[in-house]
Structure formats: structure tokens, C-alpha cells
Amino acid sequence: FKRREYPDGTVKTVYMNGQQETKYVSGRVRIKDKDGNIIMD
């Protein structure tokens, strides 16, 4: 994977299969498939 950590605590991870996961400081988690479609929020 490739993971970017932001100063506000947000963490965005892009996996090799193209899936993206963003974890926000508030606790919110958003996952998108390789095409950018939200599969969980």
C-alpha cells in the first residue's frame, strides 16, 4: 500500500488493488473501490 498521514490526523491508504481507505480524526471511515465508488462510509 501507499499511505499518507496528514497533520490533522487524517490517514489515507491506497492499496495495490486500487481500493482506497480514508480514516478521519472524528472516527469516520470511508472506503472506495478501485474505480472510486464508495463502498463504505
PDB file of all heavy atoms in Angstrom:
ATOM      1  N   PHE A   1       0.824  -1.210   0.000  1.00  0.00           N
ATOM      2  CA  PHE A   1       0.000   0.000   0.000  1.00  0.00           C
ATOM      3  C   PHE A   1       0.860   1.264   0.000  1.00  0.00           C
ATOM      4  O   PHE A   1       2.069   1.207   0.220  1.00  0.00           O
ATOM      5  CB  PHE A   1      -0.913   0.029   1.234  1.00  0.00           C
ATOM      6  CG  PHE A   1      -0.162   0.055   2.540  1.00  0.00           C
ATOM      7  CD1 PHE A   1       0.303   1.246   3.082  1.00  0.00           C
ATOM      8  CD2 PHE A   1       0.076  -1.130   3.238  1.00  0.00           C
ATOM      9  CE1 PHE A   1       1.002   1.265   4.273  1.00  0.00           C
ATOM     10  CE2 PHE A   1       0.778  -1.110   4.436  1.00  0.00           C
ATOM     11  CZ  PHE A   1       1.245   0.085   4.953  1.00  0.00           C
ATOM     12  N   LYS A   2       0.160   2.386  -0.244  1.00  0.00           N
ATOM     13  CA  LYS A   2       0.733   3.714  -0.057  1.00  0.00           C
ATOM     14  C   LYS A   2      -0.179   4.436   0.922  1.00  0.00           C
ATOM     15  O   LYS A   2      -1.403   4.427   0.756  1.00  0.00           O
ATOM     16  CB  LYS A   2       0.812   4.482  -1.373  1.00  0.00           C
ATOM     17  CG  LYS A   2       1.835   3.922  -2.326  1.00  0.00           C
ATOM     18  CD  LYS A   2       1.935   4.751  -3.592  1.00  0.00           C
ATOM     19  CE  LYS A   2       2.968   4.133  -4.517  1.00  0.00           C
ATOM     20  NZ  LYS A   2       3.050   4.845  -5.795  1.00  0.00           N
ATOM     21  N   ARG A   3       0.411   5.014   1.961  1.00  0.00           N
ATOM     22  CA  ARG A   3      -0.384   5.674   3.000  1.00  0.00           C
ATOM     23  C   ARG A   3       0.128   7.092   3.198  1.00  0.00           C
ATOM     24  O   ARG A   3       1.322   7.321   3.290  1.00  0.00           O
ATOM     25  CB  ARG A   3      -0.253   4.894   4.313  1.00  0.00           C
ATOM     26  CG  ARG A   3      -0.937   5.577   5.485  1.00  0.00           C
ATOM     27  CD  ARG A   3      -0.869   4.731   6.744  1.00  0.00           C
ATOM     28  NE  ARG A   3      -1.677   3.527   6.517  1.00  0.00           N
ATOM     29  CZ  ARG A   3      -1.387   2.331   6.975  1.00  0.00           C
ATOM     30  NH1 ARG A   3      -0.324   2.137   7.714  1.00  0.00           N
ATOM     31  NH2 ARG A   3      -2.177   1.306   6.718  1.00  0.00           N
ATOM     32  N   ARG A   4      -0.836   8.041   3.255  1.00  0.00           N
ATOM     33  CA  ARG A   4      -0.473   9.425   3.544  1.00  0.00           C
ATOM     34  C   ARG A   4      -1.123   9.818   4.858  1.00  0.00           C
ATOM     35  O   ARG A   4      -2.312   9.622   5.061  1.00  0.00           O
ATOM     36  CB  ARG A   4      -0.904  10.383   2.446  1.00  0.00           C
ATOM     37  CG  ARG A   4      -0.400  11.817   2.747  1.00  0.00           C
ATOM     38  CD  ARG A   4      -0.591  12.765   1.590  1.00  0.00           C
ATOM     39  NE  ARG A   4       0.455  12.621   0.602  1.00  0.00           N
ATOM     40  CZ  ARG A   4       1.132  13.638   0.082  1.00  0.00           C
ATOM     41  NH1 ARG A   4       0.902  14.863   0.482  1.00  0.00           N
ATOM     42  NH2 ARG A   4       2.024  13.432  -0.842  1.00  0.00           N
ATOM     43  N   GLU A   5      -0.287  10.377   5.748  1.00  0.00           N
ATOM     44  CA  GLU A   5      -0.765  10.849   7.051  1.00  0.00           C
ATOM     45  C   GLU A   5      -0.715  12.373   7.041  1.00  0.00           C
ATOM     46  O   GLU A   5       0.309  12.958   6.704  1.00  0.00           O
ATOM     47  CB  GLU A   5       0.124  10.297   8.170  1.00  0.00           C
ATOM     48  CG  GLU A   5       0.163   8.779   8.201  1.00  0.00           C
ATOM     49  CD  GLU A   5       1.269   8.224   9.098  1.00  0.00           C
ATOM     50  OE1 GLU A   5       2.041   9.026   9.675  1.00  0.00           O
ATOM     51  OE2 GLU A   5       1.360   6.998   9.205  1.00  0.00           O
ATOM     52  N   TYR A   6      -1.828  12.993   7.410  1.00  0.00           N
ATOM     53  CA  TYR A   6      -1.931  14.447   7.405  1.00  0.00           C
ATOM     54  C   TYR A   6      -1.752  14.983   8.825  1.00  0.00           C
ATOM     55  O   TYR A   6      -2.046  14.286   9.802  1.00  0.00           O
ATOM     56  CB  TYR A   6      -3.291  14.876   6.838  1.00  0.00           C
ATOM     57  CG  TYR A   6      -3.458  14.469   5.381  1.00  0.00           C
ATOM     58  CD1 TYR A   6      -3.956  13.212   5.037  1.00  0.00           C
ATOM     59  CD2 TYR A   6      -3.107  15.348   4.365  1.00  0.00           C
ATOM     60  CE1 TYR A   6      -4.087  12.837   3.706  1.00  0.00           C
ATOM     61  CE2 TYR A   6      -3.246  14.982   3.032  1.00  0.00           C
ATOM     62  CZ  TYR A   6      -3.739  13.731   2.714  1.00  0.00           C
ATOM     63  OH  TYR A   6      -3.861  13.366   1.396  1.00  0.00           O
ATOM     64  N   PRO A   7      -1.303  16.236   8.948  1.00  0.00           N
ATOM     65  CA  PRO A   7      -1.077  16.815  10.281  1.00  0.00           C
ATOM     66  C   PRO A   7      -2.328  16.804  11.169  1.00  0.00           C
ATOM     67  O   PRO A   7      -2.208  16.730  12.387  1.00  0.00           O
ATOM     68  CB  PRO A   7      -0.635  18.249   9.989  1.00  0.00           C
ATOM     69  CG  PRO A   7      -0.082  18.208   8.604  1.00  0.00           C
ATOM     70  CD  PRO A   7      -0.881  17.154   7.888  1.00  0.00           C
ATOM     71  N   ASP A   8      -3.521  16.845  10.575  1.00  0.00           N
ATOM     72  CA  ASP A   8      -4.749  16.856  11.386  1.00  0.00           C
ATOM     73  C   ASP A   8      -5.122  15.460  11.883  1.00  0.00           C
ATOM     74  O   ASP A   8      -6.132  15.285  12.568  1.00  0.00           O
ATOM     75  CB  ASP A   8      -5.916  17.483  10.612  1.00  0.00           C
ATOM     76  CG  ASP A   8      -6.401  16.611   9.446  1.00  0.00           C
ATOM     77  OD1 ASP A   8      -5.818  15.522   9.203  1.00  0.00           O
ATOM     78  OD2 ASP A   8      -7.362  17.031   8.776  1.00  0.00           O
ATOM     79  N   GLY A   9      -4.316  14.423  11.504  1.00  0.00           N
ATOM     80  CA  GLY A   9      -4.589  13.061  11.957  1.00  0.00           C
ATOM     81  C   GLY A   9      -5.285  12.189  10.930  1.00  0.00           C
ATOM     82  O   GLY A   9      -5.419  10.988  11.127  1.00  0.00           O
ATOM     83  N   THR A  10      -5.744  12.779   9.831  1.00  0.00           N
ATOM     84  CA  THR A  10      -6.381  12.007   8.763  1.00  0.00           C
ATOM     85  C   THR A  10      -5.344  11.081   8.127  1.00  0.00           C
ATOM     86  O   THR A  10      -4.197  11.483   7.922  1.00  0.00           O
ATOM     87  CB  THR A  10      -6.969  12.950   7.684  1.00  0.00           C
ATOM     88  OG1 THR A  10      -7.924  13.804   8.296  1.00  0.00           O
ATOM     89  CG2 THR A  10      -7.627  12.173   6.556  1.00  0.00           C
ATOM     90  N   VAL A  11      -5.772   9.840   7.817  1.00  0.00           N
ATOM     91  CA  VAL A  11      -4.878   8.874   7.188  1.00  0.00           C
ATOM     92  C   VAL A  11      -5.584   8.299   5.963  1.00  0.00           C
ATOM     93  O   VAL A  11      -6.687   7.768   6.066  1.00  0.00           O
ATOM     94  CB  VAL A  11      -4.517   7.725   8.161  1.00  0.00           C
ATOM     95  CG1 VAL A  11      -3.666   6.677   7.460  1.00  0.00           C
ATOM     96  CG2 VAL A  11      -3.807   8.264   9.393  1.00  0.00           C
ATOM     97  N   LYS A  12      -4.929   8.422   4.799  1.00  0.00           N
ATOM     98  CA  LYS A  12      -5.491   7.892   3.562  1.00  0.00           C
ATOM     99  C   LYS A  12      -4.561   6.796   3.059  1.00  0.00           C
ATOM    100  O   LYS A  12      -3.365   7.013   2.905  1.00  0.00           O
ATOM    101  CB  LYS A  12      -5.636   8.984   2.505  1.00  0.00           C
ATOM    102  CG  LYS A  12      -6.267   8.483   1.224  1.00  0.00           C
ATOM    103  CD  LYS A  12      -6.541   9.606   0.245  1.00  0.00           C
ATOM    104  CE  LYS A  12      -7.277   9.074  -0.973  1.00  0.00           C
ATOM    105  NZ  LYS A  12      -7.645  10.147  -1.892  1.00  0.00           N
ATOM    106  N   THR A  13      -5.134   5.611   2.801  1.00  0.00           N
ATOM    107  CA  THR A  13      -4.352   4.470   2.339  1.00  0.00           C
ATOM    108  C   THR A  13      -4.901   4.012   0.993  1.00  0.00           C
ATOM    109  O   THR A  13      -6.103   3.867   0.830  1.00  0.00           O
ATOM    110  CB  THR A  13      -4.439   3.305   3.352  1.00  0.00           C
ATOM    111  OG1 THR A  13      -4.040   3.783   4.642  1.00  0.00           O
ATOM    112  CG2 THR A  13      -3.543   2.156   2.939  1.00  0.00           C
ATOM    113  N   VAL A  14      -3.998   3.804   0.053  1.00  0.00           N
ATOM    114  CA  VAL A  14      -4.358   3.255  -1.257  1.00  0.00           C
ATOM    115  C   VAL A  14      -3.646   1.911  -1.365  1.00  0.00           C
ATOM    116  O   VAL A  14      -2.417   1.842  -1.301  1.00  0.00           O
ATOM    117  CB  VAL A  14      -3.939   4.182  -2.415  1.00  0.00           C
ATOM    118  CG1 VAL A  14      -4.316   3.559  -3.760  1.00  0.00           C
ATOM    119  CG2 VAL A  14      -4.566   5.563  -2.263  1.00  0.00           C
ATOM    120  N   TYR A  15      -4.456   0.843  -1.507  1.00  0.00           N
ATOM    121  CA  TYR A  15      -3.902  -0.499  -1.594  1.00  0.00           C
ATOM    122  C   TYR A  15      -3.551  -0.833  -3.031  1.00  0.00           C
ATOM    123  O   TYR A  15      -4.033  -0.200  -3.971  1.00  0.00           O
ATOM    124  CB  TYR A  15      -4.904  -1.512  -1.012  1.00  0.00           C
ATOM    125  CG  TYR A  15      -5.123  -1.283   0.469  1.00  0.00           C
ATOM    126  CD1 TYR A  15      -6.181  -0.483   0.922  1.00  0.00           C
ATOM    127  CD2 TYR A  15      -4.260  -1.827   1.412  1.00  0.00           C
ATOM    128  CE1 TYR A  15      -6.367  -0.244   2.277  1.00  0.00           C
ATOM    129  CE2 TYR A  15      -4.441  -1.596   2.769  1.00  0.00           C
ATOM    130  CZ  TYR A  15      -5.491  -0.800   3.195  1.00  0.00           C
ATOM    131  OH  TYR A  15      -5.659  -0.554   4.532  1.00  0.00           O
ATOM    132  N   MET A  16      -2.717  -1.827  -3.215  1.00  0.00           N
ATOM    133  CA  MET A  16      -2.252  -2.201  -4.553  1.00  0.00           C
ATOM    134  C   MET A  16      -3.388  -2.615  -5.476  1.00  0.00           C
ATOM    135  O   MET A  16      -3.281  -2.474  -6.682  1.00  0.00           O
ATOM    136  CB  MET A  16      -1.203  -3.321  -4.479  1.00  0.00           C
ATOM    137  CG  MET A  16       0.138  -2.850  -3.932  1.00  0.00           C
ATOM    138  SD  MET A  16       0.826  -1.482  -4.885  1.00  0.00           S
ATOM    139  CE  MET A  16       0.864  -0.180  -3.653  1.00  0.00           C
ATOM    140  N   ASN A  17      -4.509  -3.104  -4.938  1.00  0.00           N
ATOM    141  CA  ASN A  17      -5.652  -3.477  -5.773  1.00  0.00           C
ATOM    142  C   ASN A  17      -6.489  -2.256  -6.165  1.00  0.00           C
ATOM    143  O   ASN A  17      -7.500  -2.375  -6.827  1.00  0.00           O
ATOM    144  CB  ASN A  17      -6.526  -4.521  -5.063  1.00  0.00           C
ATOM    145  CG  ASN A  17      -7.175  -3.985  -3.794  1.00  0.00           C
ATOM    146  OD1 ASN A  17      -7.083  -2.803  -3.471  1.00  0.00           O
ATOM    147  ND2 ASN A  17      -7.835  -4.869  -3.064  1.00  0.00           N
ATOM    148  N   GLY A  18      -6.046  -1.065  -5.718  1.00  0.00           N
ATOM    149  CA  GLY A  18      -6.742   0.172  -6.081  1.00  0.00           C
ATOM    150  C   GLY A  18      -7.738   0.649  -5.049  1.00  0.00           C
ATOM    151  O   GLY A  18      -8.227   1.777  -5.116  1.00  0.00           O
ATOM    152  N   GLN A  19      -8.077  -0.183  -4.078  1.00  0.00           N
ATOM    153  CA  GLN A  19      -9.029   0.225  -3.035  1.00  0.00           C
ATOM    154  C   GLN A  19      -8.411   1.333  -2.188  1.00  0.00           C
ATOM    155  O   GLN A  19      -7.226   1.314  -1.891  1.00  0.00           O
ATOM    156  CB  GLN A  19      -9.371  -0.983  -2.149  1.00  0.00           C
ATOM    157  CG  GLN A  19     -10.385  -0.652  -1.058  1.00  0.00           C
ATOM    158  CD  GLN A  19     -10.818  -1.909  -0.303  1.00  0.00           C
ATOM    159  OE1 GLN A  19     -11.166  -2.914  -0.920  1.00  0.00           O
ATOM    160  NE2 GLN A  19     -10.788  -1.822   1.006  1.00  0.00           N
ATOM    161  N   GLN A  20      -9.265   2.314  -1.814  1.00  0.00           N
ATOM    162  CA  GLN A  20      -8.819   3.447  -1.006  1.00  0.00           C
ATOM    163  C   GLN A  20      -9.568   3.465   0.312  1.00  0.00           C
ATOM    164  O   GLN A  20     -10.776   3.227   0.346  1.00  0.00           O
ATOM    165  CB  GLN A  20      -9.101   4.772  -1.729  1.00  0.00           C
ATOM    166  CG  GLN A  20      -8.420   4.913  -3.056  1.00  0.00           C
ATOM    167  CD  GLN A  20      -8.842   6.189  -3.752  1.00  0.00           C
ATOM    168  OE1 GLN A  20      -9.265   7.149  -3.120  1.00  0.00           O
ATOM    169  NE2 GLN A  20      -8.728   6.207  -5.070  1.00  0.00           N
ATOM    170  N   GLU A  21      -8.834   3.777   1.388  1.00  0.00           N
ATOM    171  CA  GLU A  21      -9.447   3.859   2.708  1.00  0.00           C
ATOM    172  C   GLU A  21      -8.991   5.166   3.345  1.00  0.00           C
ATOM    173  O   GLU A  21      -7.799   5.444   3.402  1.00  0.00           O
ATOM    174  CB  GLU A  21      -8.988   2.670   3.548  1.00  0.00           C
ATOM    175  CG  GLU A  21      -9.431   2.706   4.990  1.00  0.00           C
ATOM    176  CD  GLU A  21      -8.825   1.565   5.778  1.00  0.00           C
ATOM    177  OE1 GLU A  21      -9.385   0.458   5.749  1.00  0.00           O
ATOM    178  OE2 GLU A  21      -7.771   1.800   6.401  1.00  0.00           O
ATOM    179  N   THR A  22      -9.957   5.971   3.805  1.00  0.00           N
ATOM    180  CA  THR A  22      -9.632   7.218   4.483  1.00  0.00           C
ATOM    181  C   THR A  22     -10.210   7.172   5.887  1.00  0.00           C
ATOM    182  O   THR A  22     -11.409   6.929   6.067  1.00  0.00           O
ATOM    183  CB  THR A  22     -10.205   8.442   3.725  1.00  0.00           C
ATOM    184  OG1 THR A  22      -9.770   8.377   2.357  1.00  0.00           O
ATOM    185  CG2 THR A  22      -9.753   9.735   4.346  1.00  0.00           C
ATOM    186  N   LYS A  23      -9.328   7.357   6.881  1.00  0.00           N
ATOM    187  CA  LYS A  23      -9.749   7.403   8.284  1.00  0.00           C
ATOM    188  C   LYS A  23      -9.565   8.831   8.769  1.00  0.00           C
ATOM    189  O   LYS A  23      -8.479   9.383   8.685  1.00  0.00           O
ATOM    190  CB  LYS A  23      -8.909   6.448   9.143  1.00  0.00           C
ATOM    191  CG  LYS A  23      -9.116   4.994   8.810  1.00  0.00           C
ATOM    192  CD  LYS A  23      -8.270   4.105   9.715  1.00  0.00           C
ATOM    193  CE  LYS A  23      -8.495   2.642   9.376  1.00  0.00           C
ATOM    194  NZ  LYS A  23      -7.658   1.764  10.198  1.00  0.00           N
ATOM    195  N   TYR A  24     -10.661   9.414   9.264  1.00  0.00           N
ATOM    196  CA  TYR A  24     -10.624  10.792   9.730  1.00  0.00           C
ATOM    197  C   TYR A  24     -10.468  10.812  11.256  1.00  0.00           C
ATOM    198  O   TYR A  24     -10.780   9.843  11.946  1.00  0.00           O
ATOM    199  CB  TYR A  24     -11.919  11.512   9.324  1.00  0.00           C
ATOM    200  CG  TYR A  24     -12.105  11.570   7.822  1.00  0.00           C
ATOM    201  CD1 TYR A  24     -12.808  10.572   7.153  1.00  0.00           C
ATOM    202  CD2 TYR A  24     -11.575  12.616   7.083  1.00  0.00           C
ATOM    203  CE1 TYR A  24     -12.976  10.609   5.776  1.00  0.00           C
ATOM    204  CE2 TYR A  24     -11.746  12.662   5.706  1.00  0.00           C
ATOM    205  CZ  TYR A  24     -12.440  11.662   5.059  1.00  0.00           C
ATOM    206  OH  TYR A  24     -12.599  11.713   3.701  1.00  0.00           O
ATOM    207  N   VAL A  25     -10.031  11.940  11.785  1.00  0.00           N
ATOM    208  CA  VAL A  25      -9.835  12.096  13.227  1.00  0.00           C
ATOM    209  C   VAL A  25     -11.145  11.905  13.977  1.00  0.00           C
ATOM    210  O   VAL A  25     -11.167  11.382  15.091  1.00  0.00           O
ATOM    211  CB  VAL A  25      -9.256  13.500  13.536  1.00  0.00           C
ATOM    212  CG1 VAL A  25      -9.036  13.679  15.018  1.00  0.00           C
ATOM    213  CG2 VAL A  25      -7.960  13.706  12.793  1.00  0.00           C
ATOM    214  N   SER A  26     -12.228  12.275  13.357  1.00  0.00           N
ATOM    215  CA  SER A  26     -13.545  12.159  14.000  1.00  0.00           C
ATOM    216  C   SER A  26     -13.951  10.703  14.222  1.00  0.00           C
ATOM    217  O   SER A  26     -14.908  10.431  14.943  1.00  0.00           O
ATOM    218  CB  SER A  26     -14.603  12.833  13.120  1.00  0.00           C
ATOM    219  OG  SER A  26     -14.705  12.143  11.874  1.00  0.00           O
ATOM    220  N   GLY A  27     -13.250   9.751  13.566  1.00  0.00           N
ATOM    221  CA  GLY A  27     -13.619   8.348  13.660  1.00  0.00           C
ATOM    222  C   GLY A  27     -14.271   7.848  12.386  1.00  0.00           C
ATOM    223  O   GLY A  27     -14.448   6.650  12.198  1.00  0.00           O
ATOM    224  N   ARG A  28     -14.654   8.775  11.513  1.00  0.00           N
ATOM    225  CA  ARG A  28     -15.284   8.407  10.249  1.00  0.00           C
ATOM    226  C   ARG A  28     -14.305   7.597   9.401  1.00  0.00           C
ATOM    227  O   ARG A  28     -13.114   7.898   9.343  1.00  0.00           O
ATOM    228  CB  ARG A  28     -15.696   9.677   9.507  1.00  0.00           C
ATOM    229  CG  ARG A  28     -16.277   9.431   8.132  1.00  0.00           C
ATOM    230  CD  ARG A  28     -16.597  10.749   7.439  1.00  0.00           C
ATOM    231  NE  ARG A  28     -17.052  10.533   6.073  1.00  0.00           N
ATOM    232  CZ  ARG A  28     -17.181  11.504   5.195  1.00  0.00           C
ATOM    233  NH1 ARG A  28     -16.907  12.756   5.534  1.00  0.00           N
ATOM    234  NH2 ARG A  28     -17.599  11.239   3.984  1.00  0.00           N
ATOM    235  N   VAL A  29     -14.811   6.564   8.714  1.00  0.00           N
ATOM    236  CA  VAL A  29     -14.019   5.755   7.797  1.00  0.00           C
ATOM    237  C   VAL A  29     -14.766   5.690   6.472  1.00  0.00           C
ATOM    238  O   VAL A  29     -15.954   5.397   6.442  1.00  0.00           O
ATOM    239  CB  VAL A  29     -13.799   4.322   8.344  1.00  0.00           C
ATOM    240  CG1 VAL A  29     -13.033   3.470   7.334  1.00  0.00           C
ATOM    241  CG2 VAL A  29     -13.076   4.354   9.675  1.00  0.00           C
ATOM    242  N   ARG A  30     -14.023   5.988   5.370  1.00  0.00           N
ATOM    243  CA  ARG A  30     -14.640   5.910   4.044  1.00  0.00           C
ATOM    244  C   ARG A  30     -13.766   4.999   3.189  1.00  0.00           C
ATOM    245  O   ARG A  30     -12.543   5.184   3.126  1.00  0.00           O
ATOM    246  CB  ARG A  30     -14.746   7.287   3.404  1.00  0.00           C
ATOM    247  CG  ARG A  30     -15.456   7.235   2.044  1.00  0.00           C
ATOM    248  CD  ARG A  30     -15.687   8.582   1.432  1.00  0.00           C
ATOM    249  NE  ARG A  30     -14.391   9.222   1.213  1.00  0.00           N
ATOM    250  CZ  ARG A  30     -14.232  10.532   1.050  1.00  0.00           C
ATOM    251  NH1 ARG A  30     -15.257  11.342   1.102  1.00  0.00           N
ATOM    252  NH2 ARG A  30     -13.037  11.028   0.837  1.00  0.00           N
ATOM    253  N   ILE A  31     -14.412   4.020   2.528  1.00  0.00           N
ATOM    254  CA  ILE A  31     -13.686   3.086   1.666  1.00  0.00           C
ATOM    255  C   ILE A  31     -14.263   3.178   0.262  1.00  0.00           C
ATOM    256  O   ILE A  31     -15.471   3.159   0.080  1.00  0.00           O
ATOM    257  CB  ILE A  31     -13.788   1.637   2.211  1.00  0.00           C
ATOM    258  CG1 ILE A  31     -13.185   1.570   3.612  1.00  0.00           C
ATOM    259  CG2 ILE A  31     -13.103   0.652   1.270  1.00  0.00           C
ATOM    260  CD1 ILE A  31     -13.340   0.228   4.296  1.00  0.00           C
ATOM    261  N   LYS A  32     -13.361   3.290  -0.725  1.00  0.00           N
ATOM    262  CA  LYS A  32     -13.757   3.339  -2.144  1.00  0.00           C
ATOM    263  C   LYS A  32     -13.098   2.174  -2.861  1.00  0.00           C
ATOM    264  O   LYS A  32     -11.981   1.774  -2.533  1.00  0.00           O
ATOM    265  CB  LYS A  32     -13.276   4.642  -2.789  1.00  0.00           C
ATOM    266  CG  LYS A  32     -13.913   5.901  -2.241  1.00  0.00           C
ATOM    267  CD  LYS A  32     -13.370   7.109  -2.981  1.00  0.00           C
ATOM    268  CE  LYS A  32     -13.935   8.415  -2.463  1.00  0.00           C
ATOM    269  NZ  LYS A  32     -13.392   9.571  -3.201  1.00  0.00           N
ATOM    270  N   ASP A  33     -13.814   1.672  -3.876  1.00  0.00           N
ATOM    271  CA  ASP A  33     -13.211   0.611  -4.687  1.00  0.00           C
ATOM    272  C   ASP A  33     -12.224   1.220  -5.681  1.00  0.00           C
ATOM    273  O   ASP A  33     -12.046   2.435  -5.734  1.00  0.00           O
ATOM    274  CB  ASP A  33     -14.283  -0.236  -5.381  1.00  0.00           C
ATOM    275  CG  ASP A  33     -15.079   0.534  -6.433  1.00  0.00           C
ATOM    276  OD1 ASP A  33     -14.627   1.627  -6.869  1.00  0.00           O
ATOM    277  OD2 ASP A  33     -16.152   0.027  -6.831  1.00  0.00           O
ATOM    278  N   LYS A  34     -11.601   0.373  -6.506  1.00  0.00           N
ATOM    279  CA  LYS A  34     -10.560   0.835  -7.423  1.00  0.00           C
ATOM    280  C   LYS A  34     -11.064   1.861  -8.432  1.00  0.00           C
ATOM    281  O   LYS A  34     -10.279   2.633  -8.971  1.00  0.00           O
ATOM    282  CB  LYS A  34      -9.916  -0.351  -8.138  1.00  0.00           C
ATOM    283  CG  LYS A  34     -10.839  -1.126  -9.052  1.00  0.00           C
ATOM    284  CD  LYS A  34     -10.081  -2.264  -9.712  1.00  0.00           C
ATOM    285  CE  LYS A  34     -10.956  -3.169 -10.547  1.00  0.00           C
ATOM    286  NZ  LYS A  34     -11.802  -2.553 -11.511  1.00  0.00           N
ATOM    287  N   ASP A  35     -12.378   1.897  -8.668  1.00  0.00           N
ATOM    288  CA  ASP A  35     -12.942   2.849  -9.634  1.00  0.00           C
ATOM    289  C   ASP A  35     -13.398   4.133  -8.963  1.00  0.00           C
ATOM    290  O   ASP A  35     -13.961   5.007  -9.626  1.00  0.00           O
ATOM    291  CB  ASP A  35     -14.102   2.194 -10.373  1.00  0.00           C
ATOM    292  CG  ASP A  35     -13.657   0.948 -11.159  1.00  0.00           C
ATOM    293  OD1 ASP A  35     -12.568   1.014 -11.785  1.00  0.00           O
ATOM    294  OD2 ASP A  35     -14.381  -0.069 -11.103  1.00  0.00           O
ATOM    295  N   GLY A  36     -13.236   4.231  -7.630  1.00  0.00           N
ATOM    296  CA  GLY A  36     -13.636   5.434  -6.934  1.00  0.00           C
ATOM    297  C   GLY A  36     -15.056   5.414  -6.379  1.00  0.00           C
ATOM    298  O   GLY A  36     -15.539   6.407  -5.862  1.00  0.00           O
ATOM    299  N   ASN A  37     -15.727   4.288  -6.487  1.00  0.00           N
ATOM    300  CA  ASN A  37     -17.091   4.159  -5.963  1.00  0.00           C
ATOM    301  C   ASN A  37     -17.025   3.900  -4.449  1.00  0.00           C
ATOM    302  O   ASN A  37     -16.269   3.039  -3.998  1.00  0.00           O
ATOM    303  CB  ASN A  37     -17.831   2.996  -6.638  1.00  0.00           C
ATOM    304  CG  ASN A  37     -17.911   3.176  -8.136  1.00  0.00           C
ATOM    305  OD1 ASN A  37     -18.261   4.243  -8.629  1.00  0.00           O
ATOM    306  ND2 ASN A  37     -17.562   2.125  -8.883  1.00  0.00           N
ATOM    307  N   ILE A  38     -17.833   4.641  -3.693  1.00  0.00           N
ATOM    308  CA  ILE A  38     -17.859   4.463  -2.240  1.00  0.00           C
ATOM    309  C   ILE A  38     -18.524   3.136  -1.919  1.00  0.00           C
ATOM    310  O   ILE A  38     -19.664   2.889  -2.328  1.00  0.00           O
ATOM    311  CB  ILE A  38     -18.597   5.630  -1.544  1.00  0.00           C
ATOM    312  CG1 ILE A  38     -17.845   6.937  -1.801  1.00  0.00           C
ATOM    313  CG2 ILE A  38     -18.751   5.361  -0.051  1.00  0.00           C
ATOM    314  CD1 ILE A  38     -18.538   8.187  -1.291  1.00  0.00           C
ATOM    315  N   ILE A  39     -17.821   2.285  -1.179  1.00  0.00           N
ATOM    316  CA  ILE A  39     -18.399   1.008  -0.784  1.00  0.00           C
ATOM    317  C   ILE A  39     -18.713   0.978   0.707  1.00  0.00           C
ATOM    318  O   ILE A  39     -19.445   0.123   1.184  1.00  0.00           O
ATOM    319  CB  ILE A  39     -17.518  -0.198  -1.188  1.00  0.00           C
ATOM    320  CG1 ILE A  39     -16.100  -0.057  -0.683  1.00  0.00           C
ATOM    321  CG2 ILE A  39     -17.500  -0.360  -2.693  1.00  0.00           C
ATOM    322  CD1 ILE A  39     -15.205  -1.265  -0.994  1.00  0.00           C
ATOM    323  N   MET A  40     -18.164   1.953   1.454  1.00  0.00           N
ATOM    324  CA  MET A  40     -18.493   2.067   2.874  1.00  0.00           C
ATOM    325  C   MET A  40     -18.166   3.471   3.322  1.00  0.00           C
ATOM    326  O   MET A  40     -17.156   4.046   2.930  1.00  0.00           O
ATOM    327  CB  MET A  40     -17.684   1.065   3.699  1.00  0.00           C
ATOM    328  CG  MET A  40     -18.091   1.047   5.187  1.00  0.00           C
ATOM    329  SD  MET A  40     -17.032  -0.017   6.141  1.00  0.00           S
ATOM    330  CE  MET A  40     -16.089   1.183   7.016  1.00  0.00           C
ATOM    331  N   ASP A  41     -19.061   4.055   4.149  1.00  0.00           N
ATOM    332  CA  ASP A  41     -18.810   5.379   4.724  1.00  0.00           C
ATOM    333  C   ASP A  41     -19.532   5.429   6.055  1.00  0.00           C
ATOM    334  O   ASP A  41     -20.742   5.326   6.108  1.00  0.00           O
ATOM    335  CB  ASP A  41     -19.312   6.479   3.791  1.00  0.00           C
ATOM    336  CG  ASP A  41     -18.782   7.862   4.183  1.00  0.00           C
ATOM    337  OD1 ASP A  41     -18.314   8.015   5.324  1.00  0.00           O
ATOM    338  OD2 ASP A  41     -18.851   8.767   3.334  1.00  0.00           O
TER     339      ASP A  41
END
